[in-house]
Each structure stands twice: as structure tokens, then as C-alpha cells.
Full PDB file with SEQRES, HELIX, SHEET, SSBOND, CRYST1, ORIGX, SCALE, CONECT and MASTER records, all heavy atoms in Angstrom:
SEQRES   1 A   36  GLY TRP HIS ARG GLY MET LEU ILE ASP GLY ALA THR MET          
SEQRES   2 A   36  GLN VAL SER PHE LEU LYS ASP LEU VAL THR MET ARG ASN          
SEQRES   3 A   36  PRO ALA SER GLU PHE THR PHE LEU GLN TYR                      
HELIX    1 AA1 ARG A    4  MET A    6  5                                   3    
CRYST1    1.000    1.000    1.000  90.00  90.00  90.00 P 1           1          
ORIGX1      1.000000  0.000000  0.000000        0.00000                         
ORIGX2      0.000000  1.000000  0.000000        0.00000                         
ORIGX3      0.000000  0.000000  1.000000        0.00000                         
SCALE1      1.000000  0.000000  0.000000        0.00000                         
SCALE2      0.000000  1.000000  0.000000        0.00000                         
SCALE3      0.000000  0.000000  1.000000        0.00000                         
ATOM      1  N   GLY A   1      -9.511 -21.813 -38.277  1.00  0.00           N  
ATOM      2  CA  GLY A   1      -9.144 -22.446 -37.007  1.00  0.00           C  
ATOM      3  C   GLY A   1      -8.258 -21.561 -36.203  1.00  0.00           C  
ATOM      4  O   GLY A   1      -7.414 -20.846 -36.745  1.00  0.00           O  
ATOM      5  N   TRP A   2      -8.445 -21.572 -34.887  1.00  0.00           N  
ATOM      6  CA  TRP A   2      -7.666 -20.708 -33.974  1.00  0.00           C  
ATOM      7  C   TRP A   2      -7.261 -21.506 -32.765  1.00  0.00           C  
ATOM      8  O   TRP A   2      -8.047 -21.838 -31.922  1.00  0.00           O  
ATOM      9  CB  TRP A   2      -8.520 -19.508 -33.572  1.00  0.00           C  
ATOM     10  CG  TRP A   2      -7.826 -18.480 -32.717  1.00  0.00           C  
ATOM     11  CD1 TRP A   2      -6.693 -17.797 -32.990  1.00  0.00           C  
ATOM     12  CD2 TRP A   2      -8.252 -18.014 -31.405  1.00  0.00           C  
ATOM     13  NE1 TRP A   2      -6.356 -16.946 -31.967  1.00  0.00           N  
ATOM     14  CE2 TRP A   2      -7.316 -17.047 -30.995  1.00  0.00           C  
ATOM     15  CE3 TRP A   2      -9.322 -18.346 -30.579  1.00  0.00           C  
ATOM     16  CZ2 TRP A   2      -7.423 -16.402 -29.753  1.00  0.00           C  
ATOM     17  CZ3 TRP A   2      -9.443 -17.694 -29.349  1.00  0.00           C  
ATOM     18  CH2 TRP A   2      -8.472 -16.737 -28.957  1.00  0.00           C  
ATOM     19  N   HIS A   3      -5.987 -21.882 -32.715  1.00  0.00           N  
ATOM     20  CA  HIS A   3      -5.419 -22.677 -31.600  1.00  0.00           C  
ATOM     21  C   HIS A   3      -6.298 -23.893 -31.316  1.00  0.00           C  
ATOM     22  O   HIS A   3      -6.598 -24.182 -30.165  1.00  0.00           O  
ATOM     23  CB  HIS A   3      -5.291 -21.801 -30.357  1.00  0.00           C  
ATOM     24  CG  HIS A   3      -4.363 -20.658 -30.485  1.00  0.00           C  
ATOM     25  ND1 HIS A   3      -2.997 -20.815 -30.762  1.00  0.00           N  
ATOM     26  CD2 HIS A   3      -4.554 -19.326 -30.430  1.00  0.00           C  
ATOM     27  CE1 HIS A   3      -2.432 -19.628 -30.823  1.00  0.00           C  
ATOM     28  NE2 HIS A   3      -3.359 -18.695 -30.651  1.00  0.00           N  
ATOM     29  N   ARG A   4      -6.627 -24.624 -32.367  1.00  0.00           N  
ATOM     30  CA  ARG A   4      -7.463 -25.811 -32.183  1.00  0.00           C  
ATOM     31  C   ARG A   4      -6.872 -26.847 -31.252  1.00  0.00           C  
ATOM     32  O   ARG A   4      -7.566 -27.540 -30.523  1.00  0.00           O  
ATOM     33  CB  ARG A   4      -7.766 -26.461 -33.540  1.00  0.00           C  
ATOM     34  CG  ARG A   4      -8.755 -25.709 -34.420  1.00  0.00           C  
ATOM     35  CD  ARG A   4      -9.094 -26.498 -35.668  1.00  0.00           C  
ATOM     36  NE  ARG A   4     -10.066 -25.848 -36.511  1.00  0.00           N  
ATOM     37  CZ  ARG A   4     -11.359 -25.966 -36.364  1.00  0.00           C  
ATOM     38  NH1 ARG A   4     -11.849 -26.711 -35.393  1.00  0.00           N  
ATOM     39  NH2 ARG A   4     -12.206 -25.326 -37.168  1.00  0.00           N  
ATOM     40  N   GLY A   5      -5.571 -26.935 -31.252  1.00  0.00           N  
ATOM     41  CA  GLY A   5      -4.903 -27.931 -30.407  1.00  0.00           C  
ATOM     42  C   GLY A   5      -4.961 -27.634 -28.919  1.00  0.00           C  
ATOM     43  O   GLY A   5      -4.592 -28.468 -28.112  1.00  0.00           O  
ATOM     44  N   MET A   6      -5.449 -26.444 -28.548  1.00  0.00           N  
ATOM     45  CA  MET A   6      -5.581 -26.100 -27.136  1.00  0.00           C  
ATOM     46  C   MET A   6      -7.029 -25.805 -26.767  1.00  0.00           C  
ATOM     47  O   MET A   6      -7.262 -25.097 -25.775  1.00  0.00           O  
ATOM     48  CB  MET A   6      -4.691 -24.886 -26.830  1.00  0.00           C  
ATOM     49  CG  MET A   6      -3.213 -25.222 -26.719  1.00  0.00           C  
ATOM     50  SD  MET A   6      -2.817 -26.295 -25.285  1.00  0.00           S  
ATOM     51  CE  MET A   6      -3.010 -25.134 -23.931  1.00  0.00           C  
ATOM     52  N   LEU A   7      -7.974 -26.304 -27.524  1.00  0.00           N  
ATOM     53  CA  LEU A   7      -9.383 -26.141 -27.184  1.00  0.00           C  
ATOM     54  C   LEU A   7      -9.779 -27.181 -26.111  1.00  0.00           C  
ATOM     55  O   LEU A   7     -10.614 -28.075 -26.334  1.00  0.00           O  
ATOM     56  CB  LEU A   7     -10.284 -26.273 -28.407  1.00  0.00           C  
ATOM     57  CG  LEU A   7     -10.091 -25.194 -29.501  1.00  0.00           C  
ATOM     58  CD1 LEU A   7     -11.044 -25.430 -30.641  1.00  0.00           C  
ATOM     59  CD2 LEU A   7     -10.333 -23.803 -28.894  1.00  0.00           C  
ATOM     60  N   ILE A   8      -9.155 -27.051 -24.976  1.00  0.00           N  
ATOM     61  CA  ILE A   8      -9.328 -28.015 -23.865  1.00  0.00           C  
ATOM     62  C   ILE A   8     -10.709 -27.824 -23.259  1.00  0.00           C  
ATOM     63  O   ILE A   8     -11.147 -26.710 -22.981  1.00  0.00           O  
ATOM     64  CB  ILE A   8      -8.239 -27.787 -22.801  1.00  0.00           C  
ATOM     65  CG1 ILE A   8      -6.871 -28.086 -23.391  1.00  0.00           C  
ATOM     66  CG2 ILE A   8      -8.479 -28.677 -21.590  1.00  0.00           C  
ATOM     67  CD1 ILE A   8      -5.712 -27.724 -22.469  1.00  0.00           C  
ATOM     68  N   ASP A   9     -11.377 -28.951 -23.043  1.00  0.00           N  
ATOM     69  CA  ASP A   9     -12.709 -28.928 -22.471  1.00  0.00           C  
ATOM     70  C   ASP A   9     -12.681 -28.199 -21.096  1.00  0.00           C  
ATOM     71  O   ASP A   9     -11.903 -28.560 -20.217  1.00  0.00           O  
ATOM     72  CB  ASP A   9     -13.220 -30.358 -22.276  1.00  0.00           C  
ATOM     73  CG  ASP A   9     -14.602 -30.392 -21.681  1.00  0.00           C  
ATOM     74  OD1 ASP A   9     -15.429 -29.527 -22.047  1.00  0.00           O  
ATOM     75  OD2 ASP A   9     -14.888 -31.300 -20.861  1.00  0.00           O  
ATOM     76  N   GLY A  10     -13.497 -27.183 -20.968  1.00  0.00           N  
ATOM     77  CA  GLY A  10     -13.607 -26.433 -19.737  1.00  0.00           C  
ATOM     78  C   GLY A  10     -12.682 -25.246 -19.641  1.00  0.00           C  
ATOM     79  O   GLY A  10     -12.891 -24.378 -18.749  1.00  0.00           O  
ATOM     80  N   ALA A  11     -11.660 -25.139 -20.466  1.00  0.00           N  
ATOM     81  CA  ALA A  11     -10.749 -23.988 -20.439  1.00  0.00           C  
ATOM     82  C   ALA A  11     -11.508 -22.737 -20.889  1.00  0.00           C  
ATOM     83  O   ALA A  11     -12.210 -22.754 -21.868  1.00  0.00           O  
ATOM     84  CB  ALA A  11      -9.527 -24.222 -21.302  1.00  0.00           C  
ATOM     85  N   THR A  12     -11.331 -21.639 -20.128  1.00  0.00           N  
ATOM     86  CA  THR A  12     -12.072 -20.413 -20.413  1.00  0.00           C  
ATOM     87  C   THR A  12     -11.168 -19.377 -21.053  1.00  0.00           C  
ATOM     88  O   THR A  12      -9.948 -19.426 -20.965  1.00  0.00           O  
ATOM     89  CB  THR A  12     -12.699 -19.848 -19.159  1.00  0.00           C  
ATOM     90  OG1 THR A  12     -11.670 -19.542 -18.203  1.00  0.00           O  
ATOM     91  CG2 THR A  12     -13.702 -20.796 -18.575  1.00  0.00           C  
ATOM     92  N   MET A  13     -11.805 -18.409 -21.697  1.00  0.00           N  
ATOM     93  CA  MET A  13     -11.080 -17.254 -22.244  1.00  0.00           C  
ATOM     94  C   MET A  13     -10.541 -16.428 -21.095  1.00  0.00           C  
ATOM     95  O   MET A  13     -11.072 -16.433 -20.002  1.00  0.00           O  
ATOM     96  CB  MET A  13     -12.018 -16.426 -23.135  1.00  0.00           C  
ATOM     97  CG  MET A  13     -12.546 -17.120 -24.350  1.00  0.00           C  
ATOM     98  SD  MET A  13     -11.276 -17.462 -25.549  1.00  0.00           S  
ATOM     99  CE  MET A  13     -10.842 -15.793 -26.087  1.00  0.00           C  
ATOM    100  N   GLN A  14      -9.471 -15.678 -21.395  1.00  0.00           N  
ATOM    101  CA  GLN A  14      -8.892 -14.836 -20.383  1.00  0.00           C  
ATOM    102  C   GLN A  14      -9.247 -13.349 -20.611  1.00  0.00           C  
ATOM    103  O   GLN A  14      -8.705 -12.484 -19.951  1.00  0.00           O  
ATOM    104  CB  GLN A  14      -7.366 -15.007 -20.343  1.00  0.00           C  
ATOM    105  CG  GLN A  14      -6.976 -16.412 -19.849  1.00  0.00           C  
ATOM    106  CD  GLN A  14      -5.475 -16.654 -19.907  1.00  0.00           C  
ATOM    107  OE1 GLN A  14      -4.958 -16.963 -20.959  1.00  0.00           O  
ATOM    108  NE2 GLN A  14      -4.817 -16.509 -18.768  1.00  0.00           N  
ATOM    109  N   VAL A  15     -10.107 -13.100 -21.561  1.00  0.00           N  
ATOM    110  CA  VAL A  15     -10.633 -11.765 -21.805  1.00  0.00           C  
ATOM    111  C   VAL A  15     -12.154 -11.814 -21.845  1.00  0.00           C  
ATOM    112  O   VAL A  15     -12.732 -12.856 -22.164  1.00  0.00           O  
ATOM    113  CB  VAL A  15     -10.117 -11.150 -23.135  1.00  0.00           C  
ATOM    114  CG1 VAL A  15      -8.608 -10.954 -23.077  1.00  0.00           C  
ATOM    115  CG2 VAL A  15     -10.504 -11.968 -24.312  1.00  0.00           C  
ATOM    116  N   SER A  16     -12.781 -10.722 -21.530  1.00  0.00           N  
ATOM    117  CA  SER A  16     -14.226 -10.640 -21.512  1.00  0.00           C  
ATOM    118  C   SER A  16     -14.791 -10.874 -22.904  1.00  0.00           C  
ATOM    119  O   SER A  16     -14.209 -10.501 -23.912  1.00  0.00           O  
ATOM    120  CB  SER A  16     -14.677  -9.251 -21.015  1.00  0.00           C  
ATOM    121  OG  SER A  16     -16.028  -9.012 -21.282  1.00  0.00           O  
ATOM    122  N   PHE A  17     -16.014 -11.463 -22.933  1.00  0.00           N  
ATOM    123  CA  PHE A  17     -16.691 -11.630 -24.226  1.00  0.00           C  
ATOM    124  C   PHE A  17     -16.976 -10.296 -24.935  1.00  0.00           C  
ATOM    125  O   PHE A  17     -17.175 -10.261 -26.122  1.00  0.00           O  
ATOM    126  CB  PHE A  17     -17.977 -12.429 -24.023  1.00  0.00           C  
ATOM    127  CG  PHE A  17     -19.093 -11.674 -23.353  1.00  0.00           C  
ATOM    128  CD1 PHE A  17     -19.966 -10.885 -24.111  1.00  0.00           C  
ATOM    129  CD2 PHE A  17     -19.291 -11.740 -22.002  1.00  0.00           C  
ATOM    130  CE1 PHE A  17     -20.995 -10.192 -23.518  1.00  0.00           C  
ATOM    131  CE2 PHE A  17     -20.334 -11.050 -21.384  1.00  0.00           C  
ATOM    132  CZ  PHE A  17     -21.166 -10.262 -22.138  1.00  0.00           C  
ATOM    133  N   LEU A  18     -16.977  -9.224 -24.157  1.00  0.00           N  
ATOM    134  CA  LEU A  18     -17.224  -7.908 -24.773  1.00  0.00           C  
ATOM    135  C   LEU A  18     -16.046  -7.471 -25.633  1.00  0.00           C  
ATOM    136  O   LEU A  18     -16.174  -6.567 -26.451  1.00  0.00           O  
ATOM    137  CB  LEU A  18     -17.489  -6.877 -23.669  1.00  0.00           C  
ATOM    138  CG  LEU A  18     -18.804  -7.064 -22.913  1.00  0.00           C  
ATOM    139  CD1 LEU A  18     -18.875  -6.084 -21.728  1.00  0.00           C  
ATOM    140  CD2 LEU A  18     -20.006  -6.903 -23.828  1.00  0.00           C  
ATOM    141  N   LYS A  19     -14.891  -8.095 -25.442  1.00  0.00           N  
ATOM    142  CA  LYS A  19     -13.741  -7.810 -26.298  1.00  0.00           C  
ATOM    143  C   LYS A  19     -13.731  -8.824 -27.444  1.00  0.00           C  
ATOM    144  O   LYS A  19     -12.716  -9.469 -27.728  1.00  0.00           O  
ATOM    145  CB  LYS A  19     -12.449  -7.837 -25.477  1.00  0.00           C  
ATOM    146  CG  LYS A  19     -12.371  -6.724 -24.466  1.00  0.00           C  
ATOM    147  CD  LYS A  19     -11.037  -6.702 -23.737  1.00  0.00           C  
ATOM    148  CE  LYS A  19     -10.937  -5.480 -22.821  1.00  0.00           C  
ATOM    149  NZ  LYS A  19      -9.636  -5.402 -22.135  1.00  0.00           N  
ATOM    150  N   ASP A  20     -14.853  -8.897 -28.122  1.00  0.00           N  
ATOM    151  CA  ASP A  20     -14.961  -9.820 -29.259  1.00  0.00           C  
ATOM    152  C   ASP A  20     -14.433  -9.167 -30.518  1.00  0.00           C  
ATOM    153  O   ASP A  20     -13.633  -8.241 -30.459  1.00  0.00           O  
ATOM    154  CB  ASP A  20     -16.448 -10.265 -29.392  1.00  0.00           C  
ATOM    155  CG  ASP A  20     -17.416  -9.082 -29.561  1.00  0.00           C  
ATOM    156  OD1 ASP A  20     -16.960  -8.008 -29.939  1.00  0.00           O  
ATOM    157  OD2 ASP A  20     -18.609  -9.275 -29.327  1.00  0.00           O  
ATOM    158  N   LEU A  21     -14.917  -9.575 -31.650  1.00  0.00           N  
ATOM    159  CA  LEU A  21     -14.414  -9.068 -32.922  1.00  0.00           C  
ATOM    160  C   LEU A  21     -14.851  -7.652 -33.251  1.00  0.00           C  
ATOM    161  O   LEU A  21     -14.261  -7.006 -34.115  1.00  0.00           O  
ATOM    162  CB  LEU A  21     -14.852 -10.000 -34.068  1.00  0.00           C  
ATOM    163  CG  LEU A  21     -14.308 -11.451 -34.020  1.00  0.00           C  
ATOM    164  CD1 LEU A  21     -15.056 -12.310 -35.028  1.00  0.00           C  
ATOM    165  CD2 LEU A  21     -12.813 -11.474 -34.237  1.00  0.00           C  
ATOM    166  N   VAL A  22     -15.869  -7.146 -32.524  1.00  0.00           N  
ATOM    167  CA  VAL A  22     -16.485  -5.912 -33.022  1.00  0.00           C  
ATOM    168  C   VAL A  22     -17.069  -4.983 -31.948  1.00  0.00           C  
ATOM    169  O   VAL A  22     -17.192  -3.793 -32.151  1.00  0.00           O  
ATOM    170  CB  VAL A  22     -17.590  -6.270 -34.062  1.00  0.00           C  
ATOM    171  CG1 VAL A  22     -18.725  -7.019 -33.373  1.00  0.00           C  
ATOM    172  CG2 VAL A  22     -18.100  -5.049 -34.770  1.00  0.00           C  
ATOM    173  N   THR A  23     -17.418  -5.503 -30.776  1.00  0.00           N  
ATOM    174  CA  THR A  23     -18.199  -4.703 -29.808  1.00  0.00           C  
ATOM    175  C   THR A  23     -17.532  -3.390 -29.414  1.00  0.00           C  
ATOM    176  O   THR A  23     -18.170  -2.358 -29.327  1.00  0.00           O  
ATOM    177  CB  THR A  23     -18.505  -5.542 -28.562  1.00  0.00           C  
ATOM    178  OG1 THR A  23     -19.343  -6.640 -28.917  1.00  0.00           O  
ATOM    179  CG2 THR A  23     -19.166  -4.719 -27.485  1.00  0.00           C  
ATOM    180  N   MET A  24     -16.249  -3.416 -29.188  1.00  0.00           N  
ATOM    181  CA  MET A  24     -15.542  -2.185 -28.753  1.00  0.00           C  
ATOM    182  C   MET A  24     -15.608  -1.096 -29.806  1.00  0.00           C  
ATOM    183  O   MET A  24     -15.495   0.088 -29.490  1.00  0.00           O  
ATOM    184  CB  MET A  24     -14.093  -2.523 -28.436  1.00  0.00           C  
ATOM    185  CG  MET A  24     -13.896  -3.433 -27.233  1.00  0.00           C  
ATOM    186  SD  MET A  24     -14.128  -2.590 -25.664  1.00  0.00           S  
ATOM    187  CE  MET A  24     -12.588  -1.675 -25.536  1.00  0.00           C  
ATOM    188  N   ARG A  25     -15.796  -1.491 -31.064  1.00  0.00           N  
ATOM    189  CA  ARG A  25     -15.904  -0.516 -32.140  1.00  0.00           C  
ATOM    190  C   ARG A  25     -17.341  -0.192 -32.509  1.00  0.00           C  
ATOM    191  O   ARG A  25     -17.694   0.951 -32.759  1.00  0.00           O  
ATOM    192  CB  ARG A  25     -15.164  -1.059 -33.410  1.00  0.00           C  
ATOM    193  CG  ARG A  25     -15.238  -0.151 -34.635  1.00  0.00           C  
ATOM    194  CD  ARG A  25     -14.454  -0.761 -35.793  1.00  0.00           C  
ATOM    195  NE  ARG A  25     -14.921  -2.080 -36.125  1.00  0.00           N  
ATOM    196  CZ  ARG A  25     -16.029  -2.355 -36.868  1.00  0.00           C  
ATOM    197  NH1 ARG A  25     -16.764  -1.354 -37.323  1.00  0.00           N  
ATOM    198  NH2 ARG A  25     -16.339  -3.597 -37.147  1.00  0.00           N  
ATOM    199  N   ASN A  26     -18.169  -1.250 -32.530  1.00  0.00           N  
ATOM    200  CA  ASN A  26     -19.565  -1.057 -32.954  1.00  0.00           C  
ATOM    201  C   ASN A  26     -20.448  -2.040 -32.174  1.00  0.00           C  
ATOM    202  O   ASN A  26     -20.750  -3.128 -32.632  1.00  0.00           O  
ATOM    203  CB  ASN A  26     -19.692  -1.291 -34.468  1.00  0.00           C  
ATOM    204  CG  ASN A  26     -21.134  -1.192 -34.928  1.00  0.00           C  
ATOM    205  OD1 ASN A  26     -21.995  -0.639 -34.220  1.00  0.00           O  
ATOM    206  ND2 ASN A  26     -21.422  -1.703 -36.122  1.00  0.00           N  
ATOM    207  N   PRO A  27     -20.930  -1.612 -30.994  1.00  0.00           N  
ATOM    208  CA  PRO A  27     -21.774  -2.512 -30.180  1.00  0.00           C  
ATOM    209  C   PRO A  27     -23.075  -2.950 -30.857  1.00  0.00           C  
ATOM    210  O   PRO A  27     -23.655  -3.950 -30.484  1.00  0.00           O  
ATOM    211  CB  PRO A  27     -22.072  -1.692 -28.924  1.00  0.00           C  
ATOM    212  CG  PRO A  27     -21.017  -0.620 -28.895  1.00  0.00           C  
ATOM    213  CD  PRO A  27     -20.691  -0.326 -30.330  1.00  0.00           C  
ATOM    214  N   ALA A  28     -23.513  -2.195 -31.877  1.00  0.00           N  
ATOM    215  CA  ALA A  28     -24.762  -2.542 -32.578  1.00  0.00           C  
ATOM    216  C   ALA A  28     -24.543  -3.499 -33.743  1.00  0.00           C  
ATOM    217  O   ALA A  28     -25.497  -3.830 -34.463  1.00  0.00           O  
ATOM    218  CB  ALA A  28     -25.395  -1.269 -33.106  1.00  0.00           C  
ATOM    219  N   SER A  29     -23.362  -3.958 -33.918  1.00  0.00           N  
ATOM    220  CA  SER A  29     -23.026  -4.837 -35.063  1.00  0.00           C  
ATOM    221  C   SER A  29     -23.755  -6.162 -35.007  1.00  0.00           C  
ATOM    222  O   SER A  29     -24.055  -6.703 -33.909  1.00  0.00           O  
ATOM    223  CB  SER A  29     -21.513  -5.092 -35.077  1.00  0.00           C  
ATOM    224  OG  SER A  29     -21.183  -6.081 -36.042  1.00  0.00           O  
ATOM    225  N   GLU A  30     -23.999  -6.726 -36.173  1.00  0.00           N  
ATOM    226  CA  GLU A  30     -24.612  -8.061 -36.233  1.00  0.00           C  
ATOM    227  C   GLU A  30     -23.572  -9.136 -35.987  1.00  0.00           C  
ATOM    228  O   GLU A  30     -23.927 -10.351 -36.002  1.00  0.00           O  
ATOM    229  CB  GLU A  30     -25.240  -8.276 -37.604  1.00  0.00           C  
ATOM    230  CG  GLU A  30     -24.282  -8.208 -38.779  1.00  0.00           C  
ATOM    231  CD  GLU A  30     -24.938  -8.402 -40.128  1.00  0.00           C  
ATOM    232  OE1 GLU A  30     -25.495  -9.494 -40.353  1.00  0.00           O  
ATOM    233  OE2 GLU A  30     -24.918  -7.444 -40.920  1.00  0.00           O  
ATOM    234  N   PHE A  31     -22.318  -8.788 -35.737  1.00  0.00           N  
ATOM    235  CA  PHE A  31     -21.270  -9.786 -35.542  1.00  0.00           C  
ATOM    236  C   PHE A  31     -20.798  -9.866 -34.074  1.00  0.00           C  
ATOM    237  O   PHE A  31     -19.731 -10.436 -33.835  1.00  0.00           O  
ATOM    238  CB  PHE A  31     -20.066  -9.465 -36.475  1.00  0.00           C  
ATOM    239  CG  PHE A  31     -20.341  -9.694 -37.923  1.00  0.00           C  
ATOM    240  CD1 PHE A  31     -20.793  -8.653 -38.741  1.00  0.00           C  
ATOM    241  CD2 PHE A  31     -20.185 -10.972 -38.473  1.00  0.00           C  
ATOM    242  CE1 PHE A  31     -21.050  -8.853 -40.039  1.00  0.00           C  
ATOM    243  CE2 PHE A  31     -20.429 -11.160 -39.820  1.00  0.00           C  
ATOM    244  CZ  PHE A  31     -20.869 -10.104 -40.607  1.00  0.00           C  
ATOM    245  N   THR A  32     -21.517  -9.323 -33.129  1.00  0.00           N  
ATOM    246  CA  THR A  32     -21.074  -9.370 -31.749  1.00  0.00           C  
ATOM    247  C   THR A  32     -21.274 -10.762 -31.175  1.00  0.00           C  
ATOM    248  O   THR A  32     -22.022 -11.590 -31.713  1.00  0.00           O  
ATOM    249  CB  THR A  32     -21.889  -8.377 -30.890  1.00  0.00           C  
ATOM    250  OG1 THR A  32     -23.259  -8.801 -30.851  1.00  0.00           O  
ATOM    251  CG2 THR A  32     -21.785  -6.943 -31.415  1.00  0.00           C  
ATOM    252  N   PHE A  33     -20.590 -11.023 -30.066  1.00  0.00           N  
ATOM    253  CA  PHE A  33     -20.767 -12.313 -29.388  1.00  0.00           C  
ATOM    254  C   PHE A  33     -22.200 -12.516 -28.946  1.00  0.00           C  
ATOM    255  O   PHE A  33     -22.734 -13.612 -28.955  1.00  0.00           O  
ATOM    256  CB  PHE A  33     -19.801 -12.389 -28.227  1.00  0.00           C  
ATOM    257  CG  PHE A  33     -19.785 -13.713 -27.506  1.00  0.00           C  
ATOM    258  CD1 PHE A  33     -19.142 -14.798 -28.037  1.00  0.00           C  
ATOM    259  CD2 PHE A  33     -20.460 -13.865 -26.290  1.00  0.00           C  
ATOM    260  CE1 PHE A  33     -19.168 -16.022 -27.379  1.00  0.00           C  
ATOM    261  CE2 PHE A  33     -20.465 -15.079 -25.614  1.00  0.00           C  
ATOM    262  CZ  PHE A  33     -19.823 -16.172 -26.179  1.00  0.00           C  
ATOM    263  N   LEU A  34     -22.848 -11.399 -28.523  1.00  0.00           N  
ATOM    264  CA  LEU A  34     -24.236 -11.509 -28.093  1.00  0.00           C  
ATOM    265  C   LEU A  34     -25.170 -11.882 -29.247  1.00  0.00           C  
ATOM    266  O   LEU A  34     -26.112 -12.645 -29.109  1.00  0.00           O  
ATOM    267  CB  LEU A  34     -24.696 -10.178 -27.445  1.00  0.00           C  
ATOM    268  CG  LEU A  34     -24.043  -9.858 -26.115  1.00  0.00           C  
ATOM    269  CD1 LEU A  34     -24.537  -8.508 -25.638  1.00  0.00           C  
ATOM    270  CD2 LEU A  34     -24.280 -10.935 -25.071  1.00  0.00           C  
ATOM    271  N   GLN A  35     -24.862 -11.349 -30.446  1.00  0.00           N  
ATOM    272  CA  GLN A  35     -25.657 -11.730 -31.620  1.00  0.00           C  
ATOM    273  C   GLN A  35     -25.451 -13.221 -31.956  1.00  0.00           C  
ATOM    274  O   GLN A  35     -26.350 -13.923 -32.362  1.00  0.00           O  
ATOM    275  CB  GLN A  35     -25.279 -10.861 -32.824  1.00  0.00           C  
ATOM    276  CG  GLN A  35     -25.738  -9.425 -32.733  1.00  0.00           C  
ATOM    277  CD  GLN A  35     -27.254  -9.302 -32.966  1.00  0.00           C  
ATOM    278  OE1 GLN A  35     -27.942 -10.254 -33.256  1.00  0.00           O  
ATOM    279  NE2 GLN A  35     -27.706  -8.048 -32.838  1.00  0.00           N  
ATOM    280  N   TYR A  36     -24.224 -13.659 -31.746  1.00  0.00           N  
ATOM    281  CA  TYR A  36     -23.921 -15.117 -31.940  1.00  0.00           C  
ATOM    282  C   TYR A  36     -24.748 -15.965 -30.973  1.00  0.00           C  
ATOM    283  O   TYR A  36     -25.343 -16.980 -31.370  1.00  0.00           O  
ATOM    284  CB  TYR A  36     -22.420 -15.349 -31.741  1.00  0.00           C  
ATOM    285  CG  TYR A  36     -22.059 -16.740 -31.240  1.00  0.00           C  
ATOM    286  CD1 TYR A  36     -21.999 -17.812 -32.143  1.00  0.00           C  
ATOM    287  CD2 TYR A  36     -21.754 -16.962 -29.913  1.00  0.00           C  
ATOM    288  CE1 TYR A  36     -21.672 -19.082 -31.687  1.00  0.00           C  
ATOM    289  CE2 TYR A  36     -21.428 -18.218 -29.459  1.00  0.00           C  
ATOM    290  CZ  TYR A  36     -21.405 -19.284 -30.329  1.00  0.00           C  
ATOM    291  OH  TYR A  36     -21.079 -20.548 -29.907  1.00  0.00           O  
TER     292      TYR A  36                                                      
MASTER        0    0    0    1    0    0    0    6  291    1    0    3          
END                                                                             
């Protein structure tokens, strides 16, 4: 869980989806947001 108490409906991230868990290091990873 990550800040579950603030998962407000409609609230957006303040960073690009490209700054996910892996893309900046390995864009070909199976763990990118696009793969999700």
C-alpha cells in the first residue's frame, strides 16, 4: 500500500508516467507502466 488514505477519486500524479519504477533505467522492462 502507498498513501492509501489519499487515493482521492480524480486526483492525478504530479510526475509523468514515464518516471515509473523502471523506465528511466530500462525502457524495455516488463515492469513499465506501459506494460501494465
